[in-house]
Amino acid sequence: MNYSVENPNTTQNTLTGTSAGSIVWSQPLQGSALKLVILYANGYENTTTTAQSITFTKAFTNTPAVLVNTTGMTITVSTTGVTLPTGMTAAATGWIIIAGY
């Protein structure tokens, strides 16, 4: 059985922070079972009161787990995407890895 679809041609997307930096992300596993989203924050900062969000290429069936978050940011994850923090006082750099089905 094929439980996942690996997509070697996955598009890398970039979200520019409202105040500084960016987040580069992709969803290399988009199967009917296992899905994986990888994000890299490079000096990302949002000092505004409006949250930025990332919408997954393919939605999860159940709320996925955050396996790694080395950014120090408090994020909110749903089946369809990630909501990033507002009112940040420092830029964040690091990895976020999200997986589930």
PDB file of N, CA and C in Angstrom:
ATOM      1  N   MET A   1       0.829  -1.183   0.000  1.00  0.00           N
ATOM      2  CA  MET A   1       0.000   0.000   0.000  1.00  0.00           C
ATOM      3  C   MET A   1       0.874   1.247   0.000  1.00  0.00           C
ATOM      4  N   ASN A   2       0.421   2.253  -0.684  1.00  0.00           N
ATOM      5  CA  ASN A   2       1.123   3.536  -0.697  1.00  0.00           C
ATOM      6  C   ASN A   2       0.418   4.480   0.265  1.00  0.00           C
ATOM      7  N   TYR A   3       1.064   4.762   1.395  1.00  0.00           N
ATOM      8  CA  TYR A   3       0.445   5.605   2.409  1.00  0.00           C
ATOM      9  C   TYR A   3       0.775   7.076   2.276  1.00  0.00           C
ATOM     10  N   SER A   4       1.731   7.407   1.445  1.00  0.00           N
ATOM     11  CA  SER A   4       2.063   8.818   1.290  1.00  0.00           C
ATOM     12  C   SER A   4       2.486   9.089  -0.143  1.00  0.00           C
ATOM     13  N   VAL A   5       2.451  10.336  -0.490  1.00  0.00           N
ATOM     14  CA  VAL A   5       2.893  10.774  -1.803  1.00  0.00           C
ATOM     15  C   VAL A   5       4.061  11.717  -1.585  1.00  0.00           C
ATOM     16  N   GLU A   6       5.247  11.283  -1.985  1.00  0.00           N
ATOM     17  CA  GLU A   6       6.402  12.167  -1.910  1.00  0.00           C
ATOM     18  C   GLU A   6       6.430  12.987  -3.183  1.00  0.00           C
ATOM     19  N   ASN A   7       6.601  14.250  -3.047  1.00  0.00           N
ATOM     20  CA  ASN A   7       6.603  15.134  -4.197  1.00  0.00           C
ATOM     21  C   ASN A   7       7.957  15.818  -4.282  1.00  0.00           C
ATOM     22  N   PRO A   8       8.884  15.256  -5.097  1.00  0.00           N
ATOM     23  CA  PRO A   8      10.210  15.865  -5.191  1.00  0.00           C
ATOM     24  C   PRO A   8      10.188  17.243  -5.843  1.00  0.00           C
ATOM     25  N   ASN A   9       9.091  17.585  -6.494  1.00  0.00           N
ATOM     26  CA  ASN A   9       8.975  18.889  -7.147  1.00  0.00           C
ATOM     27  C   ASN A   9       8.162  19.870  -6.307  1.00  0.00           C
ATOM     28  N   THR A  10       8.085  19.619  -5.003  1.00  0.00           N
ATOM     29  CA  THR A  10       7.329  20.486  -4.111  1.00  0.00           C
ATOM     30  C   THR A  10       7.826  21.924  -4.213  1.00  0.00           C
ATOM     31  N   THR A  11       6.888  22.822  -4.322  1.00  0.00           N
ATOM     32  CA  THR A  11       7.211  24.236  -4.403  1.00  0.00           C
ATOM     33  C   THR A  11       7.623  24.763  -3.033  1.00  0.00           C
ATOM     34  N   GLN A  12       8.701  25.522  -2.992  1.00  0.00           N
ATOM     35  CA  GLN A  12       9.065  26.232  -1.773  1.00  0.00           C
ATOM     36  C   GLN A  12       8.372  27.577  -1.819  1.00  0.00           C
ATOM     37  N   ASN A  13       7.705  27.893  -0.736  1.00  0.00           N
ATOM     38  CA  ASN A  13       6.975  29.146  -0.617  1.00  0.00           C
ATOM     39  C   ASN A  13       7.680  30.037   0.387  1.00  0.00           C
ATOM     40  N   THR A  14       7.544  31.338   0.222  1.00  0.00           N
ATOM     41  CA  THR A  14       8.168  32.283   1.148  1.00  0.00           C
ATOM     42  C   THR A  14       7.125  33.256   1.665  1.00  0.00           C
ATOM     43  N   LEU A  15       7.098  33.406   2.994  1.00  0.00           N
ATOM     44  CA  LEU A  15       6.253  34.389   3.655  1.00  0.00           C
ATOM     45  C   LEU A  15       7.174  35.431   4.269  1.00  0.00           C
ATOM     46  N   THR A  16       7.025  36.678   3.864  1.00  0.00           N
ATOM     47  CA  THR A  16       7.850  37.757   4.398  1.00  0.00           C
ATOM     48  C   THR A  16       7.229  38.265   5.685  1.00  0.00           C
ATOM     49  N   GLY A  17       8.043  38.369   6.732  1.00  0.00           N
ATOM     50  CA  GLY A  17       7.564  38.896   8.007  1.00  0.00           C
ATOM     51  C   GLY A  17       7.109  40.332   7.861  1.00  0.00           C
ATOM     52  N   THR A  18       6.158  40.749   8.680  1.00  0.00           N
ATOM     53  CA  THR A  18       5.653  42.117   8.584  1.00  0.00           C
ATOM     54  C   THR A  18       6.688  43.135   9.040  1.00  0.00           C
ATOM     55  N   SER A  19       7.609  42.700   9.925  1.00  0.00           N
ATOM     56  CA  SER A  19       8.619  43.610  10.452  1.00  0.00           C
ATOM     57  C   SER A  19      10.030  43.266  10.002  1.00  0.00           C
ATOM     58  N   ALA A  20      10.299  41.968   9.818  1.00  0.00           N
ATOM     59  CA  ALA A  20      11.644  41.547   9.406  1.00  0.00           C
ATOM     60  C   ALA A  20      11.620  40.083   8.995  1.00  0.00           C
ATOM     61  N   GLY A  21      12.631  39.695   8.241  1.00  0.00           N
ATOM     62  CA  GLY A  21      12.864  38.294   7.913  1.00  0.00           C
ATOM     63  C   GLY A  21      11.789  37.627   7.077  1.00  0.00           C
ATOM     64  N   SER A  22      11.842  36.293   7.090  1.00  0.00           N
ATOM     65  CA  SER A  22      10.908  35.505   6.286  1.00  0.00           C
ATOM     66  C   SER A  22      10.809  34.081   6.820  1.00  0.00           C
ATOM     67  N   ILE A  23       9.824  33.358   6.294  1.00  0.00           N
ATOM     68  CA  ILE A  23       9.684  31.925   6.542  1.00  0.00           C
ATOM     69  C   ILE A  23       9.580  31.254   5.186  1.00  0.00           C
ATOM     70  N   VAL A  24      10.467  30.286   4.943  1.00  0.00           N
ATOM     71  CA  VAL A  24      10.418  29.475   3.727  1.00  0.00           C
ATOM     72  C   VAL A  24       9.816  28.137   4.128  1.00  0.00           C
ATOM     73  N   TRP A  25       8.822  27.668   3.368  1.00  0.00           N
ATOM     74  CA  TRP A  25       8.159  26.431   3.754  1.00  0.00           C
ATOM     75  C   TRP A  25       7.741  25.616   2.539  1.00  0.00           C
ATOM     76  N   SER A  26       7.554  24.312   2.778  1.00  0.00           N
ATOM     77  CA  SER A  26       7.036  23.421   1.744  1.00  0.00           C
ATOM     78  C   SER A  26       6.342  22.241   2.411  1.00  0.00           C
ATOM     79  N   GLN A  27       5.587  21.488   1.621  1.00  0.00           N
ATOM     80  CA  GLN A  27       4.889  20.301   2.102  1.00  0.00           C
ATOM     81  C   GLN A  27       5.295  19.124   1.215  1.00  0.00           C
ATOM     82  N   PRO A  28       6.446  18.496   1.517  1.00  0.00           N
ATOM     83  CA  PRO A  28       6.954  17.439   0.645  1.00  0.00           C
ATOM     84  C   PRO A  28       6.183  16.126   0.701  1.00  0.00           C
ATOM     85  N   LEU A  29       5.440  15.854   1.773  1.00  0.00           N
ATOM     86  CA  LEU A  29       4.592  14.657   1.841  1.00  0.00           C
ATOM     87  C   LEU A  29       3.142  15.107   1.875  1.00  0.00           C
ATOM     88  N   GLN A  30       2.369  14.679   0.848  1.00  0.00           N
ATOM     89  CA  GLN A  30       0.996  15.130   0.704  1.00  0.00           C
ATOM     90  C   GLN A  30       0.047  13.961   0.471  1.00  0.00           C
ATOM     91  N   GLY A  31       0.342  12.813   1.081  1.00  0.00           N
ATOM     92  CA  GLY A  31      -0.436  11.605   0.827  1.00  0.00           C
ATOM     93  C   GLY A  31      -1.798  11.602   1.491  1.00  0.00           C
ATOM     94  N   SER A  32      -2.533  10.532   1.239  1.00  0.00           N
ATOM     95  CA  SER A  32      -3.847  10.373   1.857  1.00  0.00           C
ATOM     96  C   SER A  32      -3.704  10.005   3.328  1.00  0.00           C
ATOM     97  N   ALA A  33      -2.518   9.555   3.717  1.00  0.00           N
ATOM     98  CA  ALA A  33      -2.261   9.247   5.128  1.00  0.00           C
ATOM     99  C   ALA A  33      -1.242  10.257   5.662  1.00  0.00           C
ATOM    100  N   LEU A  34       0.018   9.952   5.594  1.00  0.00           N
ATOM    101  CA  LEU A  34       1.056  10.812   6.171  1.00  0.00           C
ATOM    102  C   LEU A  34       1.260  12.091   5.367  1.00  0.00           C
ATOM    103  N   LYS A  35       1.300  13.198   6.106  1.00  0.00           N
ATOM    104  CA  LYS A  35       1.615  14.499   5.512  1.00  0.00           C
ATOM    105  C   LYS A  35       2.705  15.145   6.353  1.00  0.00           C
ATOM    106  N   LEU A  36       3.550  15.952   5.717  1.00  0.00           N
ATOM    107  CA  LEU A  36       4.673  16.595   6.390  1.00  0.00           C
ATOM    108  C   LEU A  36       4.844  18.007   5.850  1.00  0.00           C
ATOM    109  N   VAL A  37       4.994  18.971   6.762  1.00  0.00           N
ATOM    110  CA  VAL A  37       5.246  20.360   6.385  1.00  0.00           C
ATOM    111  C   VAL A  37       6.529  20.790   7.089  1.00  0.00           C
ATOM    112  N   ILE A  38       7.432  21.427   6.347  1.00  0.00           N
ATOM    113  CA  ILE A  38       8.703  21.895   6.889  1.00  0.00           C
ATOM    114  C   ILE A  38       8.792  23.399   6.679  1.00  0.00           C
ATOM    115  N   LEU A  39       9.093  24.119   7.778  1.00  0.00           N
ATOM    116  CA  LEU A  39       9.220  25.574   7.726  1.00  0.00           C
ATOM    117  C   LEU A  39      10.574  25.969   8.288  1.00  0.00           C
ATOM    118  N   TYR A  40      11.189  26.989   7.675  1.00  0.00           N
ATOM    119  CA  TYR A  40      12.420  27.549   8.221  1.00  0.00           C
ATOM    120  C   TYR A  40      12.239  29.056   8.373  1.00  0.00           C
ATOM    121  N   ALA A  41      12.311  29.525   9.615  1.00  0.00           N
ATOM    122  CA  ALA A  41      12.219  30.958   9.902  1.00  0.00           C
ATOM    123  C   ALA A  41      13.620  31.551   9.873  1.00  0.00           C
ATOM    124  N   ASN A  42      13.782  32.605   9.093  1.00  0.00           N
ATOM    125  CA  ASN A  42      15.078  33.270   8.968  1.00  0.00           C
ATOM    126  C   ASN A  42      14.923  34.719   9.420  1.00  0.00           C
ATOM    127  N   GLY A  43      15.078  34.942  10.723  1.00  0.00           N
ATOM    128  CA  GLY A  43      14.923  36.298  11.255  1.00  0.00           C
ATOM    129  C   GLY A  43      13.507  36.811  11.157  1.00  0.00           C
ATOM    130  N   TYR A  44      12.520  35.896  11.161  1.00  0.00           N
ATOM    131  CA  TYR A  44      11.112  36.285  11.023  1.00  0.00           C
ATOM    132  C   TYR A  44      10.651  37.087  12.231  1.00  0.00           C
ATOM    133  N   GLU A  45       9.926  38.181  11.959  1.00  0.00           N
ATOM    134  CA  GLU A  45       9.374  38.983  13.047  1.00  0.00           C
ATOM    135  C   GLU A  45       8.092  39.668  12.601  1.00  0.00           C
ATOM    136  N   ASN A  46       7.109  39.672  13.499  1.00  0.00           N
ATOM    137  CA  ASN A  46       5.848  40.365  13.280  1.00  0.00           C
ATOM    138  C   ASN A  46       5.544  41.168  14.541  1.00  0.00           C
ATOM    139  N   THR A  47       5.734  42.467  14.482  1.00  0.00           N
ATOM    140  CA  THR A  47       5.484  43.324  15.645  1.00  0.00           C
ATOM    141  C   THR A  47       4.092  43.951  15.605  1.00  0.00           C
ATOM    142  N   THR A  48       3.306  43.611  14.583  1.00  0.00           N
ATOM    143  CA  THR A  48       1.955  44.170  14.461  1.00  0.00           C
ATOM    144  C   THR A  48       0.975  43.363  15.309  1.00  0.00           C
ATOM    145  N   THR A  49      -0.291  43.786  15.313  1.00  0.00           N
ATOM    146  CA  THR A  49      -1.341  43.063  16.027  1.00  0.00           C
ATOM    147  C   THR A  49      -2.121  42.135  15.107  1.00  0.00           C
ATOM    148  N   THR A  50      -1.712  42.051  13.834  1.00  0.00           N
ATOM    149  CA  THR A  50      -2.371  41.191  12.865  1.00  0.00           C
ATOM    150  C   THR A  50      -1.519  39.953  12.614  1.00  0.00           C
ATOM    151  N   ALA A  51      -2.093  38.793  12.873  1.00  0.00           N
ATOM    152  CA  ALA A  51      -1.365  37.533  12.692  1.00  0.00           C
ATOM    153  C   ALA A  51      -1.200  37.202  11.213  1.00  0.00           C
ATOM    154  N   GLN A  52      -0.051  36.644  10.888  1.00  0.00           N
ATOM    155  CA  GLN A  52       0.168  36.095   9.561  1.00  0.00           C
ATOM    156  C   GLN A  52      -0.075  34.594   9.650  1.00  0.00           C
ATOM    157  N   SER A  53      -0.465  33.997   8.525  1.00  0.00           N
ATOM    158  CA  SER A  53      -0.710  32.558   8.530  1.00  0.00           C
ATOM    159  C   SER A  53      -0.204  31.924   7.247  1.00  0.00           C
ATOM    160  N   ILE A  54       0.001  30.630   7.333  1.00  0.00           N
ATOM    161  CA  ILE A  54       0.418  29.817   6.192  1.00  0.00           C
ATOM    162  C   ILE A  54      -0.650  28.752   5.996  1.00  0.00           C
ATOM    163  N   THR A  55      -1.149  28.617   4.770  1.00  0.00           N
ATOM    164  CA  THR A  55      -2.138  27.592   4.449  1.00  0.00           C
ATOM    165  C   THR A  55      -1.429  26.416   3.805  1.00  0.00           C
ATOM    166  N   PHE A  56      -1.630  25.214   4.368  1.00  0.00           N
ATOM    167  CA  PHE A  56      -0.995  24.017   3.831  1.00  0.00           C
ATOM    168  C   PHE A  56      -1.438  23.764   2.395  1.00  0.00           C
ATOM    169  N   THR A  57      -0.537  23.194   1.598  1.00  0.00           N
ATOM    170  CA  THR A  57      -0.845  22.836   0.217  1.00  0.00           C
ATOM    171  C   THR A  57      -1.973  21.816   0.183  1.00  0.00           C
ATOM    172  N   LYS A  58      -1.898  20.825   1.069  1.00  0.00           N
ATOM    173  CA  LYS A  58      -2.946  19.810   1.202  1.00  0.00           C
ATOM    174  C   LYS A  58      -3.301  19.711   2.683  1.00  0.00           C
ATOM    175  N   ALA A  59      -4.581  19.894   2.991  1.00  0.00           N
ATOM    176  CA  ALA A  59      -5.037  19.892   4.383  1.00  0.00           C
ATOM    177  C   ALA A  59      -4.870  18.516   5.028  1.00  0.00           C
ATOM    178  N   PHE A  60      -4.697  18.525   6.337  1.00  0.00           N
ATOM    179  CA  PHE A  60      -4.644  17.306   7.133  1.00  0.00           C
ATOM    180  C   PHE A  60      -6.075  16.893   7.487  1.00  0.00           C
ATOM    181  N   THR A  61      -6.290  15.610   7.727  1.00  0.00           N
ATOM    182  CA  THR A  61      -7.598  15.128   8.173  1.00  0.00           C
ATOM    183  C   THR A  61      -7.796  15.438   9.654  1.00  0.00           C
ATOM    184  N   ASN A  62      -6.741  15.248  10.444  1.00  0.00           N
ATOM    185  CA  ASN A  62      -6.750  15.530  11.887  1.00  0.00           C
ATOM    186  C   ASN A  62      -5.701  16.587  12.179  1.00  0.00           C
ATOM    187  N   THR A  63      -5.847  17.305  13.282  1.00  0.00           N
ATOM    188  CA  THR A  63      -4.868  18.333  13.642  1.00  0.00           C
ATOM    189  C   THR A  63      -3.491  17.684  13.761  1.00  0.00           C
ATOM    190  N   PRO A  64      -2.511  18.162  13.005  1.00  0.00           N
ATOM    191  CA  PRO A  64      -1.174  17.555  13.025  1.00  0.00           C
ATOM    192  C   PRO A  64      -0.387  17.937  14.281  1.00  0.00           C
ATOM    193  N   ALA A  65       0.705  17.217  14.488  1.00  0.00           N
ATOM    194  CA  ALA A  65       1.589  17.467  15.626  1.00  0.00           C
ATOM    195  C   ALA A  65       2.772  18.319  15.197  1.00  0.00           C
ATOM    196  N   VAL A  66       3.210  19.188  16.086  1.00  0.00           N
ATOM    197  CA  VAL A  66       4.440  19.944  15.869  1.00  0.00           C
ATOM    198  C   VAL A  66       5.559  19.083  16.440  1.00  0.00           C
ATOM    199  N   LEU A  67       6.377  18.500  15.560  1.00  0.00           N
ATOM    200  CA  LEU A  67       7.451  17.602  15.987  1.00  0.00           C
ATOM    201  C   LEU A  67       8.680  18.376  16.439  1.00  0.00           C
ATOM    202  N   VAL A  68       8.959  19.499  15.767  1.00  0.00           N
ATOM    203  CA  VAL A  68      10.128  20.318  16.071  1.00  0.00           C
ATOM    204  C   VAL A  68       9.717  21.782  15.974  1.00  0.00           C
ATOM    205  N   ASN A  69      10.140  22.581  16.940  1.00  0.00           N
ATOM    206  CA  ASN A  69       9.979  24.031  16.855  1.00  0.00           C
ATOM    207  C   ASN A  69      11.158  24.657  17.588  1.00  0.00           C
ATOM    208  N   THR A  70      12.214  24.959  16.853  1.00  0.00           N
ATOM    209  CA  THR A  70      13.410  25.547  17.446  1.00  0.00           C
ATOM    210  C   THR A  70      13.408  27.075  17.347  1.00  0.00           C
ATOM    211  N   THR A  71      12.280  27.660  16.949  1.00  0.00           N
ATOM    212  CA  THR A  71      12.197  29.104  16.717  1.00  0.00           C
ATOM    213  C   THR A  71      11.936  29.902  17.989  1.00  0.00           C
ATOM    214  N   GLY A  72      11.344  29.276  18.993  1.00  0.00           N
ATOM    215  CA  GLY A  72      10.918  29.997  20.181  1.00  0.00           C
ATOM    216  C   GLY A  72       9.564  30.672  20.015  1.00  0.00           C
ATOM    217  N   MET A  73       8.985  30.621  18.820  1.00  0.00           N
ATOM    218  CA  MET A  73       7.674  31.223  18.582  1.00  0.00           C
ATOM    219  C   MET A  73       6.575  30.299  19.095  1.00  0.00           C
ATOM    220  N   THR A  74       5.504  30.896  19.596  1.00  0.00           N
ATOM    221  CA  THR A  74       4.307  30.141  19.938  1.00  0.00           C
ATOM    222  C   THR A  74       3.399  30.194  18.725  1.00  0.00           C
ATOM    223  N   ILE A  75       3.153  29.031  18.137  1.00  0.00           N
ATOM    224  CA  ILE A  75       2.341  28.962  16.921  1.00  0.00           C
ATOM    225  C   ILE A  75       1.058  28.190  17.219  1.00  0.00           C
ATOM    226  N   THR A  76       0.062  28.383  16.361  1.00  0.00           N
ATOM    227  CA  THR A  76      -1.184  27.636  16.436  1.00  0.00           C
ATOM    228  C   THR A  76      -1.318  26.840  15.151  1.00  0.00           C
ATOM    229  N   VAL A  77      -1.563  25.532  15.285  1.00  0.00           N
ATOM    230  CA  VAL A  77      -1.662  24.653  14.126  1.00  0.00           C
ATOM    231  C   VAL A  77      -3.081  24.106  14.024  1.00  0.00           C
ATOM    232  N   SER A  78      -3.618  24.098  12.807  1.00  0.00           N
ATOM    233  CA  SER A  78      -4.928  23.503  12.540  1.00  0.00           C
ATOM    234  C   SER A  78      -4.774  22.514  11.396  1.00  0.00           C
ATOM    235  N   THR A  79      -5.852  21.918  10.966  1.00  0.00           N
ATOM    236  CA  THR A  79      -5.786  20.975   9.847  1.00  0.00           C
ATOM    237  C   THR A  79      -5.446  21.666   8.535  1.00  0.00           C
ATOM    238  N   THR A  80      -5.663  22.976   8.454  1.00  0.00           N
ATOM    239  CA  THR A  80      -5.448  23.690   7.201  1.00  0.00           C
ATOM    240  C   THR A  80      -4.231  24.605   7.173  1.00  0.00           C
ATOM    241  N   GLY A  81      -3.631  24.886   8.357  1.00  0.00           N
ATOM    242  CA  GLY A  81      -2.487  25.782   8.319  1.00  0.00           C
ATOM    243  C   GLY A  81      -1.899  26.110   9.675  1.00  0.00           C
ATOM    244  N   VAL A  82      -1.003  27.095   9.658  1.00  0.00           N
ATOM    245  CA  VAL A  82      -0.284  27.559  10.840  1.00  0.00           C
ATOM    246  C   VAL A  82      -0.544  29.052  11.002  1.00  0.00           C
ATOM    247  N   THR A  83      -0.857  29.463  12.227  1.00  0.00           N
ATOM    248  CA  THR A  83      -0.975  30.883  12.536  1.00  0.00           C
ATOM    249  C   THR A  83       0.241  31.275  13.359  1.00  0.00           C
ATOM    250  N   LEU A  84       0.902  32.327  12.927  1.00  0.00           N
ATOM    251  CA  LEU A  84       2.145  32.792  13.553  1.00  0.00           C
ATOM    252  C   LEU A  84       1.836  33.881  14.577  1.00  0.00           C
ATOM    253  N   PRO A  85       2.745  34.111  15.519  1.00  0.00           N
ATOM    254  CA  PRO A  85       2.468  35.060  16.602  1.00  0.00           C
ATOM    255  C   PRO A  85       2.474  36.522  16.156  1.00  0.00           C
ATOM    256  N   THR A  86       1.823  37.344  16.976  1.00  0.00           N
ATOM    257  CA  THR A  86       1.813  38.802  16.785  1.00  0.00           C
ATOM    258  C   THR A  86       2.599  39.436  17.917  1.00  0.00           C
ATOM    259  N   GLY A  87       2.861  40.720  17.793  1.00  0.00           N
ATOM    260  CA  GLY A  87       3.497  41.466  18.869  1.00  0.00           C
ATOM    261  C   GLY A  87       4.843  40.907  19.303  1.00  0.00           C
ATOM    262  N   MET A  88       5.591  40.377  18.360  1.00  0.00           N
ATOM    263  CA  MET A  88       6.888  39.792  18.700  1.00  0.00           C
ATOM    264  C   MET A  88       7.872  40.882  19.130  1.00  0.00           C
ATOM    265  N   THR A  89       8.729  40.570  20.093  1.00  0.00           N
ATOM    266  CA  THR A  89       9.723  41.528  20.565  1.00  0.00           C
ATOM    267  C   THR A  89      11.126  41.205  20.075  1.00  0.00           C
ATOM    268  N   ALA A  90      11.259  40.068  19.365  1.00  0.00           N
ATOM    269  CA  ALA A  90      12.559  39.674  18.813  1.00  0.00           C
ATOM    270  C   ALA A  90      12.323  38.800  17.585  1.00  0.00           C
ATOM    271  N   ALA A  91      13.263  38.865  16.679  1.00  0.00           N
ATOM    272  CA  ALA A  91      13.184  38.033  15.476  1.00  0.00           C
ATOM    273  C   ALA A  91      13.434  36.573  15.840  1.00  0.00           C
ATOM    274  N   ALA A  92      12.815  35.654  15.073  1.00  0.00           N
ATOM    275  CA  ALA A  92      12.947  34.220  15.324  1.00  0.00           C
ATOM    276  C   ALA A  92      13.633  33.537  14.148  1.00  0.00           C
ATOM    277  N   THR A  93      14.545  32.624  14.478  1.00  0.00           N
ATOM    278  CA  THR A  93      15.224  31.829  13.468  1.00  0.00           C
ATOM    279  C   THR A  93      15.210  30.381  13.931  1.00  0.00           C
ATOM    280  N   GLY A  94      14.901  29.465  13.013  1.00  0.00           N
ATOM    281  CA  GLY A  94      14.919  28.052  13.349  1.00  0.00           C
ATOM    282  C   GLY A  94      13.934  27.261  12.515  1.00  0.00           C
ATOM    283  N   TRP A  95      13.820  25.987  12.854  1.00  0.00           N
ATOM    284  CA  TRP A  95      12.982  25.030  12.121  1.00  0.00           C
ATOM    285  C   TRP A  95      11.669  24.757  12.826  1.00  0.00           C
ATOM    286  N   ILE A  96      10.617  24.520  12.014  1.00  0.00           N
ATOM    287  CA  ILE A  96       9.347  24.000  12.495  1.00  0.00           C
ATOM    288  C   ILE A  96       9.004  22.822  11.579  1.00  0.00           C
ATOM    289  N   ILE A  97       8.753  21.662  12.171  1.00  0.00           N
ATOM    290  CA  ILE A  97       8.367  20.471  11.397  1.00  0.00           C
ATOM    291  C   ILE A  97       7.037  19.986  11.932  1.00  0.00           C
ATOM    292  N   ILE A  98       6.077  19.835  11.024  1.00  0.00           N
ATOM    293  CA  ILE A  98       4.708  19.459  11.375  1.00  0.00           C
ATOM    294  C   ILE A  98       4.363  18.189  10.605  1.00  0.00           C
ATOM    295  N   ALA A  99       3.787  17.198  11.305  1.00  0.00           N
ATOM    296  CA  ALA A  99       3.441  15.935  10.645  1.00  0.00           C
ATOM    297  C   ALA A  99       2.116  15.407  11.181  1.00  0.00           C
ATOM    298  N   GLY A 100       1.463  14.611  10.373  1.00  0.00           N
ATOM    299  CA  GLY A 100       0.209  13.977  10.771  1.00  0.00           C
ATOM    300  C   GLY A 100      -0.458  13.359   9.574  1.00  0.00           C
ATOM    301  N   TYR A 101      -1.751  13.121   9.726  1.00  0.00           N
ATOM    302  CA  TYR A 101      -2.519  12.541   8.624  1.00  0.00           C
ATOM    303  C   TYR A 101      -3.881  13.173   8.536  1.00  0.00           C
TER     304      TYR A 101
END
